[in-house]
Every structure is written in structure tokens, then in C-alpha cells.
């Protein structure tokens, strides 16, 4: 199976970023449903609305 060499690093960066955001902004939460972009390669939201 093919995998991007930087995929694990990207996942770790997102995990660390979310950990810091949740610690520094404890009331941060999603506002509404998240629509994902249609793609066979990447999984990412079209938009991400947050409330604090």
C-alpha cells in the first residue's frame, strides 16, 4: 500500500495543535456539521466553523 512519507508527521502536527488549542481555549467547539471535500487522496473539511 502506498503512503505519503510525511503523513505521520502531518497527523502528529494536527494532534499537537488540537491539544494546544483545547488547552488554551477550553470553550472552543465546532459550530454545526462539517462537510468534507470530495477527494480520493486527502480528507479535509470544506470549511470549519468554530465557536469560542
N, C-alpha and C. Protein backbone atom coordinates (compact mmCIF):
# COMPACT_ATOMS: atom_id res chain seq x y z
N UNK A 1 0.85 -1.18 0.00
CA UNK A 1 0.00 0.00 0.00
C UNK A 1 0.90 1.24 0.00
N UNK A 2 0.55 2.21 -0.81
CA UNK A 2 1.30 3.46 -0.90
C UNK A 2 0.86 4.40 0.21
N UNK A 3 1.82 5.09 0.79
CA UNK A 3 1.51 6.11 1.80
C UNK A 3 2.51 7.24 1.66
N UNK A 4 2.06 8.44 1.89
CA UNK A 4 2.92 9.61 1.84
C UNK A 4 3.93 9.55 2.99
N UNK A 5 5.20 9.78 2.72
CA UNK A 5 6.20 9.73 3.79
C UNK A 5 5.94 10.76 4.90
N UNK A 6 5.29 11.86 4.59
CA UNK A 6 5.03 12.89 5.59
C UNK A 6 3.68 12.75 6.28
N UNK A 7 2.92 11.72 5.96
CA UNK A 7 1.57 11.59 6.52
C UNK A 7 1.59 11.47 8.04
N UNK A 8 2.49 10.67 8.58
CA UNK A 8 2.55 10.51 10.03
C UNK A 8 2.95 11.81 10.71
N UNK A 9 3.87 12.55 10.12
CA UNK A 9 4.27 13.85 10.67
C UNK A 9 3.09 14.81 10.65
N UNK A 10 2.34 14.83 9.56
CA UNK A 10 1.17 15.72 9.46
C UNK A 10 0.13 15.37 10.53
N UNK A 11 -0.11 14.08 10.74
CA UNK A 11 -1.07 13.67 11.78
C UNK A 11 -0.60 14.11 13.17
N UNK A 12 0.69 13.97 13.42
CA UNK A 12 1.24 14.38 14.73
C UNK A 12 1.13 15.89 14.92
N UNK A 13 1.36 16.65 13.86
CA UNK A 13 1.24 18.11 13.95
C UNK A 13 -0.20 18.52 14.24
N UNK A 14 -1.16 17.88 13.60
CA UNK A 14 -2.57 18.19 13.85
C UNK A 14 -2.93 17.81 15.28
N UNK A 15 -2.48 16.64 15.75
CA UNK A 15 -2.78 16.22 17.12
C UNK A 15 -2.23 17.22 18.13
N UNK A 16 -0.98 17.64 17.94
CA UNK A 16 -0.36 18.59 18.86
C UNK A 16 -1.07 19.95 18.83
N UNK A 17 -1.44 20.39 17.64
CA UNK A 17 -2.14 21.67 17.50
C UNK A 17 -3.49 21.63 18.20
N UNK A 18 -4.25 20.56 18.01
CA UNK A 18 -5.55 20.45 18.66
C UNK A 18 -5.41 20.35 20.18
N UNK A 19 -4.36 19.70 20.64
CA UNK A 19 -4.12 19.62 22.08
C UNK A 19 -3.87 21.01 22.67
N UNK A 20 -3.04 21.81 22.01
CA UNK A 20 -2.76 23.16 22.49
C UNK A 20 -4.01 24.03 22.43
N UNK A 21 -4.74 23.98 21.31
CA UNK A 21 -5.96 24.78 21.19
C UNK A 21 -6.97 24.42 22.27
N UNK A 22 -7.16 23.14 22.53
CA UNK A 22 -8.15 22.75 23.53
C UNK A 22 -7.70 23.16 24.94
N UNK A 23 -6.41 23.21 25.18
CA UNK A 23 -5.91 23.64 26.48
C UNK A 23 -6.00 25.16 26.64
N UNK A 24 -5.63 25.91 25.60
CA UNK A 24 -5.61 27.37 25.66
C UNK A 24 -6.99 28.00 25.48
N UNK A 25 -7.86 27.36 24.75
CA UNK A 25 -9.22 27.86 24.50
C UNK A 25 -10.22 26.78 24.91
N UNK A 26 -10.45 26.58 26.21
CA UNK A 26 -11.25 25.45 26.67
C UNK A 26 -12.70 25.44 26.18
N UNK A 27 -13.24 26.58 25.78
CA UNK A 27 -14.62 26.60 25.31
C UNK A 27 -14.76 26.41 23.81
N UNK A 28 -13.67 26.17 23.11
CA UNK A 28 -13.69 26.03 21.66
C UNK A 28 -14.46 24.77 21.25
N UNK A 29 -15.38 24.94 20.30
CA UNK A 29 -16.17 23.79 19.84
C UNK A 29 -16.62 24.01 18.40
N UNK A 30 -16.99 22.93 17.75
CA UNK A 30 -17.50 23.00 16.38
C UNK A 30 -18.87 23.65 16.38
N UNK A 31 -19.14 24.43 15.35
CA UNK A 31 -20.45 25.05 15.19
C UNK A 31 -21.09 24.46 13.95
N UNK A 32 -21.95 23.49 14.16
CA UNK A 32 -22.65 22.87 13.04
C UNK A 32 -21.90 21.69 12.46
N UNK A 33 -22.50 21.08 11.44
CA UNK A 33 -21.89 19.89 10.82
C UNK A 33 -20.66 20.27 9.98
N UNK A 34 -19.80 19.31 9.78
CA UNK A 34 -18.60 19.51 8.98
C UNK A 34 -18.78 18.79 7.65
N UNK A 35 -18.68 19.54 6.56
CA UNK A 35 -18.79 18.96 5.21
C UNK A 35 -17.37 18.69 4.71
N UNK A 36 -17.12 17.43 4.35
CA UNK A 36 -15.80 17.06 3.87
C UNK A 36 -15.71 17.27 2.35
N UNK A 37 -14.53 17.69 1.90
CA UNK A 37 -14.29 17.86 0.47
C UNK A 37 -14.24 16.49 -0.20
N UNK A 38 -14.84 16.37 -1.37
CA UNK A 38 -14.77 15.08 -2.07
C UNK A 38 -13.37 14.88 -2.66
N UNK A 39 -12.71 13.83 -2.25
CA UNK A 39 -11.36 13.56 -2.73
C UNK A 39 -11.00 12.10 -2.46
N UNK A 40 -10.25 11.53 -3.35
CA UNK A 40 -9.78 10.16 -3.14
C UNK A 40 -8.43 10.15 -2.42
N UNK A 41 -7.79 11.30 -2.31
CA UNK A 41 -6.45 11.35 -1.76
C UNK A 41 -6.42 11.95 -0.35
N UNK A 42 -7.05 13.12 -0.18
CA UNK A 42 -6.98 13.84 1.09
C UNK A 42 -8.33 13.86 1.77
N UNK A 43 -8.31 13.87 3.08
CA UNK A 43 -9.55 14.05 3.85
C UNK A 43 -9.43 15.39 4.55
N UNK A 44 -10.27 16.34 4.15
CA UNK A 44 -10.23 17.65 4.79
C UNK A 44 -11.61 18.29 4.70
N UNK A 45 -11.92 19.14 5.68
CA UNK A 45 -13.21 19.82 5.66
C UNK A 45 -13.21 20.94 4.61
N UNK A 46 -14.38 21.16 4.02
CA UNK A 46 -14.54 22.28 3.09
C UNK A 46 -14.41 23.59 3.86
N UNK A 47 -15.04 23.65 5.01
CA UNK A 47 -14.97 24.81 5.91
C UNK A 47 -15.05 24.27 7.34
N UNK A 48 -14.51 25.02 8.26
CA UNK A 48 -14.56 24.59 9.65
C UNK A 48 -14.95 25.79 10.50
N UNK A 49 -16.21 25.80 10.94
CA UNK A 49 -16.71 26.91 11.76
C UNK A 49 -16.60 26.52 13.23
N UNK A 50 -15.98 27.40 14.00
CA UNK A 50 -15.77 27.17 15.42
C UNK A 50 -16.42 28.27 16.24
N UNK A 51 -16.81 27.93 17.44
CA UNK A 51 -17.36 28.90 18.39
C UNK A 51 -16.49 28.85 19.63
N UNK A 52 -16.26 30.04 20.21
CA UNK A 52 -15.45 30.09 21.43
C UNK A 52 -16.17 30.86 22.48
